[in-house]
Amino acid sequence: MEDAPGGNDRHRPDGGRPEVPCEDCGESVAEALTRRVQVTVDGSEIHSHRLCPDCFAAWVDRYDRRMSTGEGDTEDSEIIVD
């Protein structure tokens, strides 16, 4: 589908937005396919990262491995989940 430059086509899944780069690998990806990882503490955003589907899958795998192996844990560390 062709859009006018800067136009917004409501018929496209990405809303007519141009492709944006993944913040991890730098590859261009349609906005509709990106995933955003956000870290918040007490409602305040600490970090936000836009990722392509492949980098998001890799991020989930890394997170899962780190959380399941206890990597980085110390005797004093404690995670509180509300």
N, C-alpha and C. Protein backbone atom coordinates (compact mmCIF):
# COMPACT_ATOMS: atom_id res chain seq x y z
N MET A 1 0.83 -1.18 0.00
CA MET A 1 0.00 0.00 0.00
C MET A 1 0.87 1.24 0.00
N GLU A 2 0.53 2.18 -0.79
CA GLU A 2 1.29 3.43 -0.85
C GLU A 2 0.58 4.49 -0.04
N ASP A 3 1.33 5.23 0.70
CA ASP A 3 0.81 6.34 1.49
C ASP A 3 1.47 7.61 1.02
N ALA A 4 0.80 8.70 1.24
CA ALA A 4 1.45 9.99 1.01
C ALA A 4 2.53 10.14 2.06
N PRO A 5 3.64 10.79 1.72
CA PRO A 5 4.70 10.97 2.73
C PRO A 5 4.14 11.60 3.99
N GLY A 6 4.43 10.96 5.11
CA GLY A 6 3.97 11.48 6.40
C GLY A 6 2.50 11.21 6.67
N GLY A 7 1.83 10.53 5.73
CA GLY A 7 0.40 10.25 5.90
C GLY A 7 0.17 9.13 6.89
N ASN A 8 -1.07 9.00 7.32
CA ASN A 8 -1.43 7.96 8.26
C ASN A 8 -2.59 7.19 7.66
N ASP A 9 -2.36 5.96 7.23
CA ASP A 9 -3.37 5.14 6.58
C ASP A 9 -3.97 4.20 7.61
N ARG A 10 -5.24 4.42 7.96
CA ARG A 10 -5.87 3.61 8.99
C ARG A 10 -6.14 2.18 8.54
N HIS A 11 -5.95 1.89 7.25
CA HIS A 11 -6.18 0.54 6.75
C HIS A 11 -4.96 -0.36 6.90
N ARG A 12 -3.82 0.21 7.20
CA ARG A 12 -2.61 -0.59 7.40
C ARG A 12 -2.50 -1.01 8.86
N PRO A 13 -2.01 -2.21 9.13
CA PRO A 13 -1.90 -2.66 10.52
C PRO A 13 -1.00 -1.78 11.37
N ASP A 14 -0.02 -1.15 10.73
CA ASP A 14 0.89 -0.30 11.50
C ASP A 14 0.44 1.15 11.54
N GLY A 15 -0.80 1.43 11.07
CA GLY A 15 -1.32 2.79 11.10
C GLY A 15 -0.64 3.71 10.11
N GLY A 16 0.10 3.17 9.14
CA GLY A 16 0.77 4.01 8.15
C GLY A 16 2.10 4.54 8.63
N ARG A 17 2.56 4.07 9.77
CA ARG A 17 3.84 4.56 10.30
C ARG A 17 4.99 3.91 9.54
N PRO A 18 6.06 4.64 9.33
CA PRO A 18 7.22 4.03 8.67
C PRO A 18 7.87 3.01 9.59
N GLU A 19 8.71 2.19 9.01
CA GLU A 19 9.44 1.22 9.83
C GLU A 19 10.40 1.95 10.75
N VAL A 20 10.61 1.37 11.92
CA VAL A 20 11.51 1.94 12.91
C VAL A 20 12.58 0.90 13.24
N PRO A 21 13.76 1.34 13.66
CA PRO A 21 14.81 0.37 13.97
C PRO A 21 14.60 -0.29 15.33
N CYS A 22 14.98 -1.56 15.40
CA CYS A 22 15.02 -2.28 16.68
C CYS A 22 16.15 -1.65 17.49
N GLU A 23 15.93 -1.40 18.76
CA GLU A 23 16.95 -0.76 19.60
C GLU A 23 18.05 -1.73 20.01
N ASP A 24 17.91 -3.01 19.65
CA ASP A 24 18.94 -3.98 19.98
C ASP A 24 19.82 -4.29 18.77
N CYS A 25 19.20 -4.72 17.65
CA CYS A 25 19.98 -5.11 16.47
C CYS A 25 20.05 -4.02 15.40
N GLY A 26 19.17 -3.02 15.47
CA GLY A 26 19.19 -1.92 14.52
C GLY A 26 18.44 -2.18 13.23
N GLU A 27 17.91 -3.39 13.04
CA GLU A 27 17.15 -3.71 11.83
C GLU A 27 15.82 -2.96 11.84
N SER A 28 15.39 -2.51 10.65
CA SER A 28 14.10 -1.84 10.54
C SER A 28 12.98 -2.86 10.67
N VAL A 29 11.95 -2.48 11.38
CA VAL A 29 10.79 -3.36 11.57
C VAL A 29 9.55 -2.48 11.66
N ALA A 30 8.44 -2.96 11.10
CA ALA A 30 7.18 -2.21 11.17
C ALA A 30 6.79 -2.01 12.62
N GLU A 31 6.28 -0.84 12.94
CA GLU A 31 5.89 -0.50 14.30
C GLU A 31 4.94 -1.55 14.89
N ALA A 32 4.04 -2.08 14.06
CA ALA A 32 3.06 -3.06 14.55
C ALA A 32 3.71 -4.36 15.01
N LEU A 33 4.93 -4.64 14.54
CA LEU A 33 5.61 -5.88 14.92
C LEU A 33 6.56 -5.72 16.09
N THR A 34 6.82 -4.49 16.50
CA THR A 34 7.77 -4.27 17.59
C THR A 34 7.15 -4.64 18.93
N ARG A 35 7.99 -4.96 19.86
CA ARG A 35 7.58 -5.22 21.24
C ARG A 35 8.35 -4.26 22.12
N ARG A 36 7.70 -3.75 23.15
CA ARG A 36 8.35 -2.81 24.05
C ARG A 36 8.51 -3.46 25.41
N VAL A 37 9.75 -3.44 25.90
CA VAL A 37 10.06 -3.93 27.24
C VAL A 37 10.20 -2.70 28.11
N GLN A 38 9.44 -2.63 29.19
CA GLN A 38 9.50 -1.48 30.09
C GLN A 38 9.79 -1.96 31.51
N VAL A 39 10.69 -1.26 32.16
CA VAL A 39 10.99 -1.53 33.56
C VAL A 39 10.46 -0.35 34.35
N THR A 40 9.57 -0.64 35.30
CA THR A 40 9.01 0.42 36.14
C THR A 40 9.21 0.06 37.60
N VAL A 41 9.41 1.07 38.40
CA VAL A 41 9.53 0.91 39.84
C VAL A 41 8.58 1.91 40.48
N ASP A 42 7.67 1.40 41.27
CA ASP A 42 6.67 2.24 41.94
C ASP A 42 5.97 3.16 40.96
N GLY A 43 5.65 2.64 39.77
CA GLY A 43 4.92 3.41 38.78
C GLY A 43 5.75 4.34 37.93
N SER A 44 7.03 4.47 38.21
CA SER A 44 7.92 5.34 37.42
C SER A 44 8.72 4.49 36.45
N GLU A 45 8.70 4.89 35.17
CA GLU A 45 9.45 4.15 34.16
C GLU A 45 10.95 4.38 34.34
N ILE A 46 11.68 3.30 34.48
CA ILE A 46 13.13 3.36 34.65
C ILE A 46 13.82 3.17 33.30
N HIS A 47 13.29 2.26 32.49
CA HIS A 47 13.91 1.94 31.21
C HIS A 47 12.85 1.43 30.25
N SER A 48 13.00 1.75 28.98
CA SER A 48 12.10 1.28 27.95
C SER A 48 12.94 0.90 26.73
N HIS A 49 12.59 -0.20 26.09
CA HIS A 49 13.39 -0.72 24.98
C HIS A 49 12.45 -1.27 23.91
N ARG A 50 12.56 -0.79 22.66
CA ARG A 50 11.75 -1.28 21.55
C ARG A 50 12.54 -2.35 20.81
N LEU A 51 11.93 -3.54 20.65
CA LEU A 51 12.63 -4.68 20.06
C LEU A 51 11.85 -5.31 18.92
N CYS A 52 12.58 -5.85 17.94
CA CYS A 52 11.95 -6.63 16.87
C CYS A 52 11.55 -7.99 17.48
N PRO A 53 10.72 -8.77 16.78
CA PRO A 53 10.29 -10.05 17.35
C PRO A 53 11.44 -10.99 17.72
N ASP A 54 12.49 -11.07 16.88
CA ASP A 54 13.62 -11.96 17.19
C ASP A 54 14.37 -11.52 18.44
N CYS A 55 14.64 -10.21 18.54
CA CYS A 55 15.36 -9.71 19.72
C CYS A 55 14.51 -9.82 20.97
N PHE A 56 13.19 -9.65 20.83
CA PHE A 56 12.30 -9.81 21.97
C PHE A 56 12.34 -11.25 22.47
N ALA A 57 12.31 -12.21 21.54
CA ALA A 57 12.38 -13.63 21.93
C ALA A 57 13.70 -13.91 22.65
N ALA A 58 14.79 -13.35 22.15
CA ALA A 58 16.10 -13.54 22.80
C ALA A 58 16.10 -12.90 24.18
N TRP A 59 15.47 -11.72 24.33
CA TRP A 59 15.40 -11.04 25.62
C TRP A 59 14.62 -11.91 26.62
N VAL A 60 13.49 -12.47 26.18
CA VAL A 60 12.69 -13.33 27.05
C VAL A 60 13.50 -14.54 27.49
N ASP A 61 14.24 -15.15 26.56
CA ASP A 61 15.09 -16.30 26.91
C ASP A 61 16.14 -15.93 27.95
N ARG A 62 16.82 -14.78 27.74
CA ARG A 62 17.84 -14.33 28.71
C ARG A 62 17.22 -14.09 30.07
N TYR A 63 16.08 -13.40 30.09
CA TYR A 63 15.39 -13.10 31.34
C TYR A 63 15.01 -14.40 32.06
N ASP A 64 14.46 -15.34 31.31
CA ASP A 64 14.04 -16.61 31.89
C ASP A 64 15.23 -17.36 32.48
N ARG A 65 16.34 -17.41 31.75
CA ARG A 65 17.54 -18.10 32.25
C ARG A 65 18.06 -17.43 33.51
N ARG A 66 18.12 -16.12 33.51
CA ARG A 66 18.66 -15.40 34.68
C ARG A 66 17.77 -15.59 35.90
N MET A 67 16.47 -15.57 35.70
CA MET A 67 15.56 -15.71 36.83
C MET A 67 15.52 -17.15 37.34
N SER A 68 15.70 -18.12 36.46
CA SER A 68 15.60 -19.51 36.90
C SER A 68 16.90 -20.03 37.51
N THR A 69 18.05 -19.46 37.16
CA THR A 69 19.32 -19.95 37.71
C THR A 69 19.74 -19.17 38.94
N GLY A 70 19.05 -18.09 39.24
CA GLY A 70 19.43 -17.29 40.39
C GLY A 70 20.65 -16.44 40.13
N GLU A 71 21.03 -16.26 38.87
CA GLU A 71 22.20 -15.47 38.51
C GLU A 71 22.10 -14.07 39.12
N GLY A 72 23.12 -13.66 39.81
CA GLY A 72 23.13 -12.32 40.40
C GLY A 72 22.57 -12.28 41.81
N ASP A 73 22.04 -13.40 42.31
CA ASP A 73 21.50 -13.43 43.66
C ASP A 73 22.63 -13.40 44.69
N THR A 74 22.37 -12.73 45.77
CA THR A 74 23.27 -12.76 46.91
C THR A 74 22.46 -13.19 48.12
N GLU A 75 23.13 -13.42 49.23
CA GLU A 75 22.40 -13.83 50.44
C GLU A 75 21.42 -12.76 50.87
N ASP A 76 21.74 -11.50 50.58
CA ASP A 76 20.89 -10.39 51.01
C ASP A 76 19.77 -10.07 50.03
N SER A 77 19.84 -10.61 48.80
CA SER A 77 18.86 -10.22 47.79
C SER A 77 17.51 -10.84 48.09
N GLU A 78 16.49 -10.06 47.82
CA GLU A 78 15.13 -10.52 48.06
C GLU A 78 14.23 -9.86 47.03
N ILE A 79 13.39 -10.65 46.38
CA ILE A 79 12.44 -10.12 45.42
C ILE A 79 11.07 -10.18 46.07
N ILE A 80 10.40 -9.05 46.10
CA ILE A 80 9.06 -8.97 46.68
C ILE A 80 8.08 -8.76 45.54
N VAL A 81 7.09 -9.64 45.41
CA VAL A 81 6.09 -9.53 44.36
C VAL A 81 4.76 -9.25 45.03
N ASP A 82 4.14 -8.16 44.62
CA ASP A 82 2.82 -7.81 45.18
C ASP A 82 1.73 -8.49 44.40
